[in-house]
Amino acid sequence: MNEDDKNLVLRVLETISGSAEREQAMRDMGKTFTYLDKNIFPALRRAELVIVYDKTGYSDEELKALSVSNPDTLNLEELLFTAALSSDLNEQLRIYKIAETRFPEDYRTSNNVGAVLYMQNKMSEAKSQFEKANGIQDNPISKNNLGAIAGVEGDRTKSMELLNQANGAGSEVSYNKGILNILDGDYSDAVSNLGSDASFNKALAEMLNGSAASVDGIIDGSDDADTAEGAYLKAVAAARQDNLQGIVGSLTTAFSKDASLKAKAAKDREFVKYFENASFTALVK
């Protein structure tokens, strides 16, 4: 390129900042732009490489091992995740306590310690942890848990107040309200609050609300499908439908899992209509 054309290009580059205006000015140069386009621009082309990748941290087994050998290498989220990998409540408690010691400013650590203690039926200790967690940060999850504690303690009014303050903590709040509804005799509200998931309490609420026919299906889809309590509830539902065969079949299953239920059934007013029935009396002997 001759010196005059080169200076013209440089002048455009120096005086025009907008890319669109600059390009148009260069195109207006005619042969000079054609020379640039064929001989200069091709060498200036650039390529962009976009890399999509997954960042892989520790494996589950590595997390478990590190939680024992060197827990200080794990951050808060890794500790919380590692605790959830175990079904052993004592192991969960160990890890959550480590998290609580290292990250006391995060309410989840104290709350999760309390949750494990609750499942271990250590209600007083669990309550202290939930209060501690809510003191660190007022939050609906700890309020829900405190509501559950109040329900266990028999203070249904306080329990409902706390649960009403826990909106946003998930379906567990409504479920806990449903349990209170059953205790208060508000069976329609209980059915609604207990949601669509199959559970013993859902089956109980449906039966008490007049839908005894739905009990078998709910129990069979729940965690109580193979328990004595689940079978016993199915027997009560059968009695409410005047179904002797259903009573005998379900009670036979219940007694095979827990023979102490025979004494309960023999006096249970749900079966009063069958106290003189040979099939029933033979079963509860």
Protein backbone atom coordinates (compact mmCIF):
# COMPACT_ATOMS: atom_id res chain seq x y z
CA MET A 1 0.00 0.00 0.00
CA ASN A 2 1.41 3.40 -0.95
CA GLU A 3 2.15 5.95 1.75
CA ASP A 4 -0.81 8.21 0.97
CA ASP A 5 -3.36 5.37 1.21
CA LYS A 6 -1.72 4.14 4.41
CA ASN A 7 -1.96 7.59 6.01
CA LEU A 8 -5.59 7.85 4.96
CA VAL A 9 -6.43 4.58 6.67
CA LEU A 10 -4.54 5.58 9.81
CA ARG A 11 -6.34 8.92 9.91
CA VAL A 12 -9.72 7.16 9.81
CA LEU A 13 -8.67 4.79 12.59
CA GLU A 14 -7.45 7.67 14.77
CA THR A 15 -10.32 10.08 14.26
CA ILE A 16 -13.42 7.85 14.10
CA SER A 17 -14.20 5.84 17.25
CA GLY A 18 -17.51 4.24 16.32
CA SER A 19 -17.00 0.85 14.68
CA ALA A 20 -19.92 1.20 12.24
CA GLU A 21 -18.89 4.73 11.20
CA ARG A 22 -15.26 3.67 10.91
CA GLU A 23 -16.15 0.73 8.66
CA GLN A 24 -18.32 2.90 6.45
CA ALA A 25 -15.57 5.52 6.09
CA MET A 26 -13.13 2.82 5.03
CA ARG A 27 -15.57 1.36 2.54
CA ASP A 28 -15.93 4.83 1.04
CA MET A 29 -12.21 4.68 0.17
CA GLY A 30 -13.02 2.49 -2.84
CA LYS A 31 -9.88 0.76 -4.18
CA THR A 32 -8.03 1.32 -0.92
CA PHE A 33 -10.69 -0.65 1.00
CA THR A 34 -10.65 -3.37 -1.67
CA TYR A 35 -6.88 -3.72 -1.19
CA LEU A 36 -7.32 -3.93 2.60
CA ASP A 37 -10.12 -6.48 2.29
CA LYS A 38 -8.08 -8.79 0.07
CA ASN A 39 -4.56 -8.40 1.46
CA ILE A 40 -4.70 -7.12 5.05
CA PHE A 41 -7.96 -8.18 6.73
CA PRO A 42 -7.66 -11.96 6.12
CA ALA A 43 -4.48 -12.05 8.20
CA LEU A 44 -6.26 -10.23 11.02
CA ARG A 45 -9.20 -12.64 11.38
CA ARG A 46 -9.65 -14.07 14.88
CA ALA A 47 -11.25 -17.21 16.21
CA GLU A 48 -13.09 -17.58 19.51
CA LEU A 49 -13.05 -20.91 21.35
CA VAL A 50 -15.85 -21.55 23.84
CA ILE A 51 -15.17 -24.40 26.26
CA VAL A 52 -18.08 -26.01 28.08
CA TYR A 53 -16.96 -28.09 31.05
CA ASP A 54 -18.16 -29.50 34.36
CA LYS A 55 -16.19 -28.73 37.47
CA THR A 56 -15.86 -31.93 39.43
CA GLY A 57 -15.15 -31.72 43.14
CA TYR A 58 -14.66 -34.53 45.60
CA SER A 59 -16.49 -37.78 45.03
CA ASP A 60 -19.02 -38.93 47.63
CA GLU A 61 -16.54 -41.41 49.04
CA GLU A 62 -13.80 -38.77 49.23
CA LEU A 63 -16.16 -36.42 51.06
CA LYS A 64 -17.00 -39.11 53.60
CA ALA A 65 -13.34 -39.92 54.16
CA LEU A 66 -12.32 -36.27 54.49
CA SER A 67 -15.11 -35.60 56.99
CA VAL A 68 -13.29 -38.04 59.27
CA SER A 69 -9.62 -37.52 58.45
CA ASN A 70 -9.49 -33.82 57.62
CA PRO A 71 -12.88 -32.06 57.91
CA ASP A 72 -11.21 -28.63 57.90
CA THR A 73 -10.59 -29.06 54.16
CA LEU A 74 -14.34 -29.07 53.48
CA ASN A 75 -16.37 -25.92 53.11
CA LEU A 76 -19.85 -25.44 54.57
CA GLU A 77 -21.80 -26.71 51.57
CA GLU A 78 -19.58 -29.78 51.31
CA LEU A 79 -20.13 -30.61 54.98
CA LEU A 80 -23.91 -30.24 54.70
CA PHE A 81 -23.91 -32.40 51.58
CA THR A 82 -21.70 -35.05 53.19
CA ALA A 83 -23.98 -35.34 56.21
CA ALA A 84 -26.93 -35.96 53.90
CA LEU A 85 -25.07 -38.85 52.26
CA SER A 86 -25.41 -40.95 55.42
CA SER A 87 -28.57 -42.62 56.73
CA ASP A 88 -26.94 -43.07 60.14
CA LEU A 89 -28.29 -40.37 62.45
CA ASN A 90 -25.20 -40.46 64.67
CA GLU A 91 -22.97 -39.91 61.66
CA GLN A 92 -25.16 -37.05 60.45
CA LEU A 93 -25.01 -35.50 63.91
CA ARG A 94 -21.20 -35.78 64.00
CA ILE A 95 -20.81 -33.93 60.71
CA TYR A 96 -23.44 -31.28 61.46
CA LYS A 97 -21.71 -30.54 64.76
CA ILE A 98 -18.43 -30.06 62.91
CA ALA A 99 -20.20 -27.64 60.57
CA GLU A 100 -21.76 -25.84 63.53
CA THR A 101 -18.36 -25.39 65.20
CA ARG A 102 -16.68 -24.14 62.04
CA PHE A 103 -19.55 -22.06 60.67
CA PRO A 104 -21.52 -20.81 63.69
CA GLU A 105 -22.78 -17.78 61.76
CA ASP A 106 -24.92 -19.94 59.46
CA TYR A 107 -28.24 -20.89 61.09
CA ARG A 108 -28.51 -24.08 59.02
CA THR A 109 -25.77 -25.80 60.99
CA SER A 110 -27.53 -25.40 64.35
CA ASN A 111 -30.90 -26.14 62.78
CA ASN A 112 -29.65 -29.38 61.24
CA VAL A 113 -28.14 -30.51 64.54
CA GLY A 114 -31.58 -29.95 66.04
CA ALA A 115 -33.29 -31.88 63.25
CA VAL A 116 -31.19 -34.97 63.97
CA LEU A 117 -31.78 -34.65 67.71
CA TYR A 118 -35.53 -34.44 66.99
CA MET A 119 -35.36 -37.68 65.00
CA GLN A 120 -33.49 -39.23 67.93
CA ASN A 121 -36.42 -38.20 70.17
CA LYS A 122 -34.22 -35.80 72.15
CA MET A 123 -36.86 -33.09 72.16
CA SER A 124 -35.39 -30.77 74.78
CA GLU A 125 -31.98 -30.67 73.07
CA ALA A 126 -33.61 -30.28 69.66
CA LYS A 127 -35.70 -27.35 70.88
CA SER A 128 -32.58 -25.57 72.17
CA GLN A 129 -30.89 -26.00 68.81
CA PHE A 130 -33.89 -24.66 66.87
CA GLU A 131 -34.06 -21.64 69.17
CA LYS A 132 -30.34 -21.09 68.69
CA ALA A 133 -30.70 -21.32 64.90
CA ASN A 134 -33.58 -18.86 64.84
CA GLY A 135 -31.56 -16.54 67.07
CA ILE A 136 -28.73 -16.52 64.53
CA GLN A 137 -31.21 -15.67 61.79
CA ASP A 138 -34.98 -15.47 62.02
CA ASN A 139 -36.04 -18.06 59.47
CA PRO A 140 -39.14 -20.09 58.55
CA ILE A 141 -37.41 -23.48 58.68
CA SER A 142 -36.49 -23.20 62.36
CA LYS A 143 -39.94 -21.71 63.07
CA ASN A 144 -41.51 -24.78 61.49
CA ASN A 145 -39.35 -27.04 63.62
CA LEU A 146 -40.20 -25.11 66.78
CA GLY A 147 -43.85 -25.47 65.80
CA ALA A 148 -43.41 -29.22 65.59
CA ILE A 149 -41.78 -29.23 69.04
CA ALA A 150 -44.68 -27.23 70.49
CA GLY A 151 -47.08 -29.76 69.00
CA VAL A 152 -45.20 -32.63 70.64
CA GLU A 153 -45.31 -30.72 73.93
CA GLY A 154 -49.10 -30.48 73.60
CA ASP A 155 -49.31 -26.72 73.07
CA ARG A 156 -51.34 -26.78 69.86
CA THR A 157 -52.12 -23.06 69.96
CA LYS A 158 -48.45 -22.09 70.11
CA SER A 159 -47.63 -24.72 67.53
CA MET A 160 -50.10 -23.27 65.02
CA GLU A 161 -48.84 -19.72 65.70
CA LEU A 162 -45.28 -20.78 64.92
CA LEU A 163 -46.33 -22.69 61.82
CA ASN A 164 -48.22 -19.66 60.55
CA GLN A 165 -44.95 -17.72 60.87
CA ALA A 166 -43.12 -20.43 58.94
CA ASN A 167 -44.78 -19.91 55.56
CA GLY A 168 -42.20 -20.44 52.85
CA ALA A 169 -40.44 -23.33 54.58
CA GLY A 170 -41.95 -25.90 52.24
CA SER A 171 -44.65 -28.57 52.32
CA GLU A 172 -43.54 -29.66 55.80
CA VAL A 173 -45.31 -26.63 57.26
CA SER A 174 -48.66 -27.60 55.76
CA TYR A 175 -48.12 -31.21 56.81
CA ASN A 176 -47.51 -30.19 60.40
CA LYS A 177 -50.64 -28.04 60.28
CA GLY A 178 -52.51 -31.09 59.02
CA ILE A 179 -51.49 -33.07 62.09
CA LEU A 180 -52.79 -30.28 64.31
CA ASN A 181 -56.00 -30.22 62.26
CA ILE A 182 -56.56 -33.91 63.03
CA LEU A 183 -56.05 -33.33 66.73
CA ASP A 184 -58.47 -30.38 66.61
CA GLY A 185 -61.10 -32.33 64.67
CA ASP A 186 -60.75 -30.17 61.54
CA TYR A 187 -60.64 -33.16 59.22
CA SER A 188 -61.38 -31.34 55.97
CA ASP A 189 -58.51 -28.90 56.58
CA ALA A 190 -56.32 -31.84 57.56
CA VAL A 191 -56.95 -33.58 54.24
CA SER A 192 -56.02 -30.40 52.40
CA ASN A 193 -52.92 -29.57 54.46
CA LEU A 194 -51.52 -33.10 54.40
CA GLY A 195 -51.13 -32.81 50.64
CA SER A 196 -51.15 -35.51 47.99
CA ASP A 197 -48.31 -37.70 49.25
CA ALA A 198 -49.39 -41.03 50.70
CA SER A 199 -48.86 -41.28 54.45
CA PHE A 200 -50.47 -42.80 57.54
CA ASN A 201 -51.73 -39.38 58.64
CA LYS A 202 -53.20 -38.69 55.21
CA ALA A 203 -55.07 -42.00 55.33
CA LEU A 204 -56.29 -41.27 58.86
CA ALA A 205 -57.52 -37.81 57.88
CA GLU A 206 -59.37 -39.17 54.85
CA MET A 207 -61.08 -41.80 56.97
CA LEU A 208 -62.07 -39.33 59.67
CA ASN A 209 -63.36 -37.02 56.95
CA GLY A 210 -65.69 -39.75 55.69
CA SER A 211 -63.58 -41.36 52.97
CA ALA A 212 -62.83 -44.74 54.54
CA ALA A 213 -62.73 -46.35 51.09
CA SER A 214 -59.56 -44.41 50.21
CA VAL A 215 -57.55 -45.70 53.18
CA ASP A 216 -56.26 -48.95 51.64
CA GLY A 217 -54.82 -47.23 48.57
CA ILE A 218 -53.13 -44.51 50.61
CA ILE A 219 -51.61 -46.91 53.13
CA ASP A 220 -50.41 -49.26 50.37
CA GLY A 221 -48.54 -46.35 48.77
CA SER A 222 -47.02 -45.10 52.01
CA ASP A 223 -44.08 -45.99 54.23
CA ASP A 224 -46.57 -47.79 56.51
CA ALA A 225 -47.60 -50.30 53.85
CA ASP A 226 -45.87 -53.11 55.75
CA THR A 227 -46.33 -51.95 59.34
CA ALA A 228 -48.70 -53.20 62.00
CA GLU A 229 -50.10 -49.71 62.43
CA GLY A 230 -50.87 -49.40 58.73
CA ALA A 231 -52.67 -52.74 58.68
CA TYR A 232 -54.62 -51.85 61.82
CA LEU A 233 -55.83 -48.59 60.29
CA LYS A 234 -56.97 -50.53 57.21
CA ALA A 235 -58.96 -52.80 59.54
CA VAL A 236 -60.66 -49.80 61.15
CA ALA A 237 -61.49 -48.42 57.71
CA ALA A 238 -62.95 -51.80 56.75
CA ALA A 239 -65.12 -51.74 59.90
CA ARG A 240 -66.47 -48.34 58.90
CA GLN A 241 -67.48 -49.91 55.60
CA ASP A 242 -69.05 -53.02 57.22
CA ASN A 243 -66.45 -55.18 55.51
CA LEU A 244 -65.85 -58.18 57.78
CA GLN A 245 -63.49 -59.85 55.33
CA GLY A 246 -61.38 -56.70 55.20
CA ILE A 247 -61.33 -56.50 59.00
CA VAL A 248 -60.18 -60.08 59.42
CA GLY A 249 -57.54 -59.84 56.69
CA SER A 250 -56.04 -56.58 57.90
CA LEU A 251 -56.12 -57.54 61.60
CA THR A 252 -54.46 -60.86 60.79
CA THR A 253 -51.63 -58.92 59.13
CA ALA A 254 -51.43 -56.41 61.99
CA PHE A 255 -51.31 -59.15 64.68
CA SER A 256 -48.60 -61.04 62.79
CA LYS A 257 -46.42 -57.94 63.08
CA ASP A 258 -47.46 -56.88 66.59
CA ALA A 259 -49.37 -59.38 68.72
CA SER A 260 -50.01 -56.75 71.42
CA LEU A 261 -52.60 -55.16 69.12
CA LYS A 262 -54.95 -58.08 69.85
CA ALA A 263 -55.79 -56.64 73.27
CA LYS A 264 -56.39 -53.23 71.73
CA ALA A 265 -58.68 -54.59 69.01
CA ALA A 266 -60.69 -56.63 71.52
CA LYS A 267 -61.73 -53.39 73.25
CA ASP A 268 -61.65 -50.97 70.31
CA ARG A 269 -65.10 -49.40 69.85
CA GLU A 270 -64.41 -49.25 66.13
CA PHE A 271 -65.12 -52.99 66.13
CA VAL A 272 -67.99 -53.00 68.63
CA LYS A 273 -70.38 -54.26 65.98
CA TYR A 274 -68.27 -57.42 65.69
CA PHE A 275 -67.58 -58.19 69.35
CA GLU A 276 -69.94 -61.14 69.17
CA ASN A 277 -68.86 -62.27 65.71
CA ALA A 278 -67.13 -65.65 65.76
CA SER A 279 -64.55 -64.73 63.15
CA PHE A 280 -63.59 -61.60 65.06
CA THR A 281 -63.53 -63.14 68.52
CA ALA A 282 -61.42 -66.05 67.30
CA LEU A 283 -58.96 -63.59 65.84
CA VAL A 284 -58.47 -61.47 68.99
CA LYS A 285 -58.10 -64.36 71.46
